[in-house]
PDB file of all heavy atoms in Angstrom:
ATOM      1  N   MET A   1      44.900 -35.378 -24.850  1.00  0.00           N
ATOM      2  CA  MET A   1      44.173 -35.911 -23.691  1.00  0.00           C
ATOM      3  C   MET A   1      43.678 -34.782 -22.787  1.00  0.00           C
ATOM      4  O   MET A   1      42.555 -34.848 -22.270  1.00  0.00           O
ATOM      5  CB  MET A   1      45.055 -36.874 -22.904  1.00  0.00           C
ATOM      6  CG  MET A   1      45.202 -38.228 -23.564  1.00  0.00           C
ATOM      7  SD  MET A   1      46.043 -39.426 -22.520  1.00  0.00           S
ATOM      8  CE  MET A   1      47.743 -38.987 -22.763  1.00  0.00           C
ATOM      9  N   ASN A   2      44.512 -33.748 -22.583  1.00  0.00           N
ATOM     10  CA  ASN A   2      44.068 -32.610 -21.770  1.00  0.00           C
ATOM     11  C   ASN A   2      42.883 -31.910 -22.404  1.00  0.00           C
ATOM     12  O   ASN A   2      41.941 -31.521 -21.714  1.00  0.00           O
ATOM     13  CB  ASN A   2      45.210 -31.616 -21.557  1.00  0.00           C
ATOM     14  CG  ASN A   2      46.229 -32.110 -20.561  1.00  0.00           C
ATOM     15  OD1 ASN A   2      45.935 -32.974 -19.742  1.00  0.00           O
ATOM     16  ND2 ASN A   2      47.434 -31.588 -20.630  1.00  0.00           N
ATOM     17  N   HIS A   3      42.935 -31.746 -23.719  1.00  0.00           N
ATOM     18  CA  HIS A   3      41.804 -31.127 -24.407  1.00  0.00           C
ATOM     19  C   HIS A   3      40.562 -32.013 -24.302  1.00  0.00           C
ATOM     20  O   HIS A   3      39.451 -31.515 -24.056  1.00  0.00           O
ATOM     21  CB  HIS A   3      42.143 -30.864 -25.876  1.00  0.00           C
ATOM     22  CG  HIS A   3      41.023 -30.245 -26.639  1.00  0.00           C
ATOM     23  ND1 HIS A   3      40.619 -28.946 -26.423  1.00  0.00           N
ATOM     24  CD2 HIS A   3      40.202 -30.751 -27.590  1.00  0.00           C
ATOM     25  CE1 HIS A   3      39.598 -28.675 -27.212  1.00  0.00           C
ATOM     26  NE2 HIS A   3      39.329 -29.754 -27.935  1.00  0.00           N
ATOM     27  N   ALA A   4      40.765 -33.303 -24.472  1.00  0.00           N
ATOM     28  CA  ALA A   4      39.638 -34.239 -24.397  1.00  0.00           C
ATOM     29  C   ALA A   4      39.031 -34.240 -22.990  1.00  0.00           C
ATOM     30  O   ALA A   4      37.815 -34.369 -22.834  1.00  0.00           O
ATOM     31  CB  ALA A   4      40.100 -35.641 -24.782  1.00  0.00           C
ATOM     32  N   ALA A   5      39.886 -34.084 -21.964  1.00  0.00           N
ATOM     33  CA  ALA A   5      39.386 -34.088 -20.584  1.00  0.00           C
ATOM     34  C   ALA A   5      38.529 -32.855 -20.299  1.00  0.00           C
ATOM     35  O   ALA A   5      37.673 -32.892 -19.415  1.00  0.00           O
ATOM     36  CB  ALA A   5      40.552 -34.150 -19.614  1.00  0.00           C
ATOM     37  N   SER A   6      38.760 -31.769 -21.046  1.00  0.00           N
ATOM     38  CA  SER A   6      37.991 -30.553 -20.805  1.00  0.00           C
ATOM     39  C   SER A   6      36.644 -30.558 -21.520  1.00  0.00           C
ATOM     40  O   SER A   6      35.835 -29.655 -21.304  1.00  0.00           O
ATOM     41  CB  SER A   6      38.802 -29.329 -21.257  1.00  0.00           C
ATOM     42  OG  SER A   6      38.906 -29.307 -22.674  1.00  0.00           O
ATOM     43  N   LEU A   7      36.379 -31.571 -22.333  1.00  0.00           N
ATOM     44  CA  LEU A   7      35.133 -31.628 -23.108  1.00  0.00           C
ATOM     45  C   LEU A   7      33.991 -32.239 -22.294  1.00  0.00           C
ATOM     46  O   LEU A   7      34.231 -33.006 -21.360  1.00  0.00           O
ATOM     47  CB  LEU A   7      35.354 -32.440 -24.384  1.00  0.00           C
ATOM     48  CG  LEU A   7      36.389 -31.886 -25.346  1.00  0.00           C
ATOM     49  CD1 LEU A   7      36.611 -32.866 -26.496  1.00  0.00           C
ATOM     50  CD2 LEU A   7      35.979 -30.530 -25.874  1.00  0.00           C
ATOM     51  N   ASP A   8      32.805 -31.918 -22.706  1.00  0.00           N
ATOM     52  CA  ASP A   8      31.619 -32.508 -22.078  1.00  0.00           C
ATOM     53  C   ASP A   8      31.450 -33.940 -22.564  1.00  0.00           C
ATOM     54  O   ASP A   8      31.941 -34.328 -23.612  1.00  0.00           O
ATOM     55  CB  ASP A   8      30.366 -31.713 -22.447  1.00  0.00           C
ATOM     56  CG  ASP A   8      30.367 -30.333 -21.816  1.00  0.00           C
ATOM     57  OD1 ASP A   8      31.025 -30.167 -20.774  1.00  0.00           O
ATOM     58  OD2 ASP A   8      29.717 -29.434 -22.388  1.00  0.00           O
ATOM     59  N   LEU A   9      30.705 -34.694 -21.803  1.00  0.00           N
ATOM     60  CA  LEU A   9      30.437 -36.087 -22.149  1.00  0.00           C
ATOM     61  C   LEU A   9      29.676 -36.197 -23.471  1.00  0.00           C
ATOM     62  O   LEU A   9      29.862 -37.155 -24.220  1.00  0.00           O
ATOM     63  CB  LEU A   9      29.650 -36.760 -21.022  1.00  0.00           C
ATOM     64  CG  LEU A   9      29.435 -38.257 -21.145  1.00  0.00           C
ATOM     65  CD1 LEU A   9      30.776 -38.981 -21.239  1.00  0.00           C
ATOM     66  CD2 LEU A   9      28.632 -38.768 -19.966  1.00  0.00           C
ATOM     67  N   GLN A  10      28.875 -35.205 -23.803  1.00  0.00           N
ATOM     68  CA  GLN A  10      28.121 -35.229 -25.054  1.00  0.00           C
ATOM     69  C   GLN A  10      29.043 -35.298 -26.267  1.00  0.00           C
ATOM     70  O   GLN A  10      28.705 -35.892 -27.284  1.00  0.00           O
ATOM     71  CB  GLN A  10      27.229 -33.994 -25.160  1.00  0.00           C
ATOM     72  CG  GLN A  10      26.099 -33.984 -24.163  1.00  0.00           C
ATOM     73  CD  GLN A  10      25.316 -32.676 -24.238  1.00  0.00           C
ATOM     74  OE1 GLN A  10      25.774 -31.702 -24.807  1.00  0.00           O
ATOM     75  NE2 GLN A  10      24.138 -32.670 -23.621  1.00  0.00           N
ATOM     76  N   ALA A  11      30.220 -34.684 -26.178  1.00  0.00           N
ATOM     77  CA  ALA A  11      31.164 -34.701 -27.300  1.00  0.00           C
ATOM     78  C   ALA A  11      31.616 -36.126 -27.598  1.00  0.00           C
ATOM     79  O   ALA A  11      31.805 -36.500 -28.758  1.00  0.00           O
ATOM     80  CB  ALA A  11      32.375 -33.819 -26.996  1.00  0.00           C
ATOM     81  N   TYR A  12      31.762 -36.933 -26.550  1.00  0.00           N
ATOM     82  CA  TYR A  12      32.210 -38.318 -26.746  1.00  0.00           C
ATOM     83  C   TYR A  12      31.107 -39.207 -27.309  1.00  0.00           C
ATOM     84  O   TYR A  12      31.389 -40.250 -27.879  1.00  0.00           O
ATOM     85  CB  TYR A  12      32.733 -38.910 -25.439  1.00  0.00           C
ATOM     86  CG  TYR A  12      34.045 -38.324 -25.040  1.00  0.00           C
ATOM     87  CD1 TYR A  12      34.127 -37.404 -24.011  1.00  0.00           C
ATOM     88  CD2 TYR A  12      35.210 -38.661 -25.715  1.00  0.00           C
ATOM     89  CE1 TYR A  12      35.331 -36.849 -23.647  1.00  0.00           C
ATOM     90  CE2 TYR A  12      36.420 -38.107 -25.359  1.00  0.00           C
ATOM     91  CZ  TYR A  12      36.475 -37.203 -24.330  1.00  0.00           C
ATOM     92  OH  TYR A  12      37.674 -36.652 -23.981  1.00  0.00           O
ATOM     93  N   GLU A  13      29.884 -38.795 -27.116  1.00  0.00           N
ATOM     94  CA  GLU A  13      28.781 -39.582 -27.650  1.00  0.00           C
ATOM     95  C   GLU A  13      28.632 -39.407 -29.159  1.00  0.00           C
ATOM     96  O   GLU A  13      27.968 -40.194 -29.807  1.00  0.00           O
ATOM     97  CB  GLU A  13      27.485 -39.210 -26.924  1.00  0.00           C
ATOM     98  CG  GLU A  13      27.493 -39.642 -25.478  1.00  0.00           C
ATOM     99  CD  GLU A  13      26.280 -39.149 -24.706  1.00  0.00           C
ATOM    100  OE1 GLU A  13      25.479 -38.380 -25.270  1.00  0.00           O
ATOM    101  OE2 GLU A  13      26.147 -39.542 -23.537  1.00  0.00           O
ATOM    102  N   ASP A  14      29.255 -38.375 -29.689  1.00  0.00           N
ATOM    103  CA  ASP A  14      29.201 -38.119 -31.128  1.00  0.00           C
ATOM    104  C   ASP A  14      30.368 -38.850 -31.796  1.00  0.00           C
ATOM    105  O   ASP A  14      31.534 -38.471 -31.623  1.00  0.00           O
ATOM    106  CB  ASP A  14      29.302 -36.611 -31.389  1.00  0.00           C
ATOM    107  CG  ASP A  14      29.233 -36.266 -32.862  1.00  0.00           C
ATOM    108  OD1 ASP A  14      28.892 -37.156 -33.667  1.00  0.00           O
ATOM    109  OD2 ASP A  14      29.518 -35.100 -33.203  1.00  0.00           O
ATOM    110  N   PRO A  15      30.102 -39.915 -32.550  1.00  0.00           N
ATOM    111  CA  PRO A  15      31.199 -40.690 -33.164  1.00  0.00           C
ATOM    112  C   PRO A  15      32.015 -39.880 -34.168  1.00  0.00           C
ATOM    113  O   PRO A  15      33.212 -40.092 -34.316  1.00  0.00           O
ATOM    114  CB  PRO A  15      30.492 -41.868 -33.835  1.00  0.00           C
ATOM    115  CG  PRO A  15      29.054 -41.529 -33.891  1.00  0.00           C
ATOM    116  CD  PRO A  15      28.795 -40.477 -32.864  1.00  0.00           C
ATOM    117  N   VAL A  16      31.383 -38.927 -34.834  1.00  0.00           N
ATOM    118  CA  VAL A  16      32.109 -38.090 -35.800  1.00  0.00           C
ATOM    119  C   VAL A  16      33.158 -37.251 -35.070  1.00  0.00           C
ATOM    120  O   VAL A  16      34.314 -37.148 -35.500  1.00  0.00           O
ATOM    121  CB  VAL A  16      31.135 -37.194 -36.599  1.00  0.00           C
ATOM    122  CG1 VAL A  16      31.890 -36.214 -37.481  1.00  0.00           C
ATOM    123  CG2 VAL A  16      30.176 -38.037 -37.417  1.00  0.00           C
ATOM    124  N   PHE A  17      32.763 -36.667 -33.935  1.00  0.00           N
ATOM    125  CA  PHE A  17      33.705 -35.859 -33.170  1.00  0.00           C
ATOM    126  C   PHE A  17      34.838 -36.711 -32.605  1.00  0.00           C
ATOM    127  O   PHE A  17      36.003 -36.317 -32.643  1.00  0.00           O
ATOM    128  CB  PHE A  17      32.989 -35.127 -32.027  1.00  0.00           C
ATOM    129  CG  PHE A  17      33.926 -34.317 -31.189  1.00  0.00           C
ATOM    130  CD1 PHE A  17      34.362 -33.082 -31.624  1.00  0.00           C
ATOM    131  CD2 PHE A  17      34.397 -34.809 -29.976  1.00  0.00           C
ATOM    132  CE1 PHE A  17      35.257 -32.335 -30.865  1.00  0.00           C
ATOM    133  CE2 PHE A  17      35.277 -34.071 -29.213  1.00  0.00           C
ATOM    134  CZ  PHE A  17      35.713 -32.832 -29.663  1.00  0.00           C
ATOM    135  N   TYR A  18      34.490 -37.876 -32.083  1.00  0.00           N
ATOM    136  CA  TYR A  18      35.503 -38.772 -31.520  1.00  0.00           C
ATOM    137  C   TYR A  18      36.504 -39.190 -32.600  1.00  0.00           C
ATOM    138  O   TYR A  18      37.714 -39.211 -32.363  1.00  0.00           O
ATOM    139  CB  TYR A  18      34.854 -39.995 -30.882  1.00  0.00           C
ATOM    140  CG  TYR A  18      35.847 -40.890 -30.197  1.00  0.00           C
ATOM    141  CD1 TYR A  18      36.347 -40.558 -28.943  1.00  0.00           C
ATOM    142  CD2 TYR A  18      36.316 -42.044 -30.815  1.00  0.00           C
ATOM    143  CE1 TYR A  18      37.272 -41.367 -28.316  1.00  0.00           C
ATOM    144  CE2 TYR A  18      37.245 -42.853 -30.196  1.00  0.00           C
ATOM    145  CZ  TYR A  18      37.728 -42.503 -28.947  1.00  0.00           C
ATOM    146  OH  TYR A  18      38.655 -43.297 -28.335  1.00  0.00           O
ATOM    147  N   ASP A  19      36.002 -39.513 -33.788  1.00  0.00           N
ATOM    148  CA  ASP A  19      36.895 -39.865 -34.900  1.00  0.00           C
ATOM    149  C   ASP A  19      37.800 -38.686 -35.267  1.00  0.00           C
ATOM    150  O   ASP A  19      38.982 -38.860 -35.538  1.00  0.00           O
ATOM    151  CB  ASP A  19      36.101 -40.294 -36.133  1.00  0.00           C
ATOM    152  CG  ASP A  19      35.477 -41.666 -35.970  1.00  0.00           C
ATOM    153  OD1 ASP A  19      35.904 -42.410 -35.060  1.00  0.00           O
ATOM    154  OD2 ASP A  19      34.567 -41.989 -36.769  1.00  0.00           O
ATOM    155  N   ARG A  20      37.244 -37.495 -35.265  1.00  0.00           N
ATOM    156  CA  ARG A  20      38.028 -36.298 -35.584  1.00  0.00           C
ATOM    157  C   ARG A  20      39.128 -36.080 -34.538  1.00  0.00           C
ATOM    158  O   ARG A  20      40.261 -35.743 -34.869  1.00  0.00           O
ATOM    159  CB  ARG A  20      37.102 -35.088 -35.654  1.00  0.00           C
ATOM    160  CG  ARG A  20      37.764 -33.889 -36.283  1.00  0.00           C
ATOM    161  CD  ARG A  20      36.800 -32.731 -36.438  1.00  0.00           C
ATOM    162  NE  ARG A  20      35.696 -33.098 -37.316  1.00  0.00           N
ATOM    163  CZ  ARG A  20      34.487 -32.560 -37.254  1.00  0.00           C
ATOM    164  NH1 ARG A  20      34.220 -31.638 -36.356  1.00  0.00           N
ATOM    165  NH2 ARG A  20      33.539 -32.941 -38.075  1.00  0.00           N
ATOM    166  N   LEU A  21      38.801 -36.297 -33.276  1.00  0.00           N
ATOM    167  CA  LEU A  21      39.778 -36.147 -32.198  1.00  0.00           C
ATOM    168  C   LEU A  21      40.901 -37.174 -32.346  1.00  0.00           C
ATOM    169  O   LEU A  21      42.083 -36.836 -32.222  1.00  0.00           O
ATOM    170  CB  LEU A  21      39.076 -36.309 -30.841  1.00  0.00           C
ATOM    171  CG  LEU A  21      39.885 -36.017 -29.595  1.00  0.00           C
ATOM    172  CD1 LEU A  21      40.264 -34.544 -29.550  1.00  0.00           C
ATOM    173  CD2 LEU A  21      39.074 -36.385 -28.366  1.00  0.00           C
ATOM    174  N   GLU A  22      40.544 -38.403 -32.633  1.00  0.00           N
ATOM    175  CA  GLU A  22      41.550 -39.455 -32.814  1.00  0.00           C
ATOM    176  C   GLU A  22      42.399 -39.182 -34.052  1.00  0.00           C
ATOM    177  O   GLU A  22      43.618 -39.363 -34.043  1.00  0.00           O
ATOM    178  CB  GLU A  22      40.867 -40.823 -32.920  1.00  0.00           C
ATOM    179  CG  GLU A  22      41.819 -41.984 -33.095  1.00  0.00           C
ATOM    180  CD  GLU A  22      42.780 -42.159 -31.934  1.00  0.00           C
ATOM    181  OE1 GLU A  22      42.510 -41.671 -30.820  1.00  0.00           O
ATOM    182  OE2 GLU A  22      43.840 -42.789 -32.154  1.00  0.00           O
ATOM    183  N   ARG A  23      41.769 -38.726 -35.127  1.00  0.00           N
ATOM    184  CA  ARG A  23      42.500 -38.402 -36.348  1.00  0.00           C
ATOM    185  C   ARG A  23      43.485 -37.252 -36.093  1.00  0.00           C
ATOM    186  O   ARG A  23      44.599 -37.244 -36.618  1.00  0.00           O
ATOM    187  CB  ARG A  23      41.526 -38.042 -37.474  1.00  0.00           C
ATOM    188  CG  ARG A  23      42.112 -38.218 -38.836  1.00  0.00           C
ATOM    189  CD  ARG A  23      41.106 -38.052 -39.969  1.00  0.00           C
ATOM    190  NE  ARG A  23      39.764 -38.498 -39.670  1.00  0.00           N
ATOM    191  CZ  ARG A  23      38.679 -37.721 -39.696  1.00  0.00           C
ATOM    192  NH1 ARG A  23      38.777 -36.453 -40.027  1.00  0.00           N
ATOM    193  NH2 ARG A  23      37.498 -38.214 -39.408  1.00  0.00           N
ATOM    194  N   ALA A  24      43.096 -36.277 -35.297  1.00  0.00           N
ATOM    195  CA  ALA A  24      43.982 -35.156 -34.960  1.00  0.00           C
ATOM    196  C   ALA A  24      45.223 -35.660 -34.232  1.00  0.00           C
ATOM    197  O   ALA A  24      46.345 -35.224 -34.510  1.00  0.00           O
ATOM    198  CB  ALA A  24      43.244 -34.130 -34.114  1.00  0.00           C
ATOM    199  N   ARG A  25      45.026 -36.584 -33.309  1.00  0.00           N
ATOM    200  CA  ARG A  25      46.173 -37.126 -32.564  1.00  0.00           C
ATOM    201  C   ARG A  25      47.113 -37.881 -33.500  1.00  0.00           C
ATOM    202  O   ARG A  25      48.321 -37.699 -33.461  1.00  0.00           O
ATOM    203  CB  ARG A  25      45.691 -38.046 -31.442  1.00  0.00           C
ATOM    204  CG  ARG A  25      46.812 -38.537 -30.537  1.00  0.00           C
ATOM    205  CD  ARG A  25      46.336 -39.607 -29.577  1.00  0.00           C
ATOM    206  NE  ARG A  25      45.911 -40.819 -30.243  1.00  0.00           N
ATOM    207  CZ  ARG A  25      46.750 -41.733 -30.732  1.00  0.00           C
ATOM    208  NH1 ARG A  25      48.043 -41.565 -30.652  1.00  0.00           N
ATOM    209  NH2 ARG A  25      46.293 -42.818 -31.322  1.00  0.00           N
TER     210      ARG A  25
END
């Protein structure tokens, strides 16, 4: 969550990146 909070909003608009972040968790 701390890493996600430091990201730009554009990163969340990318579904591939969001899936990768969730998969990492």
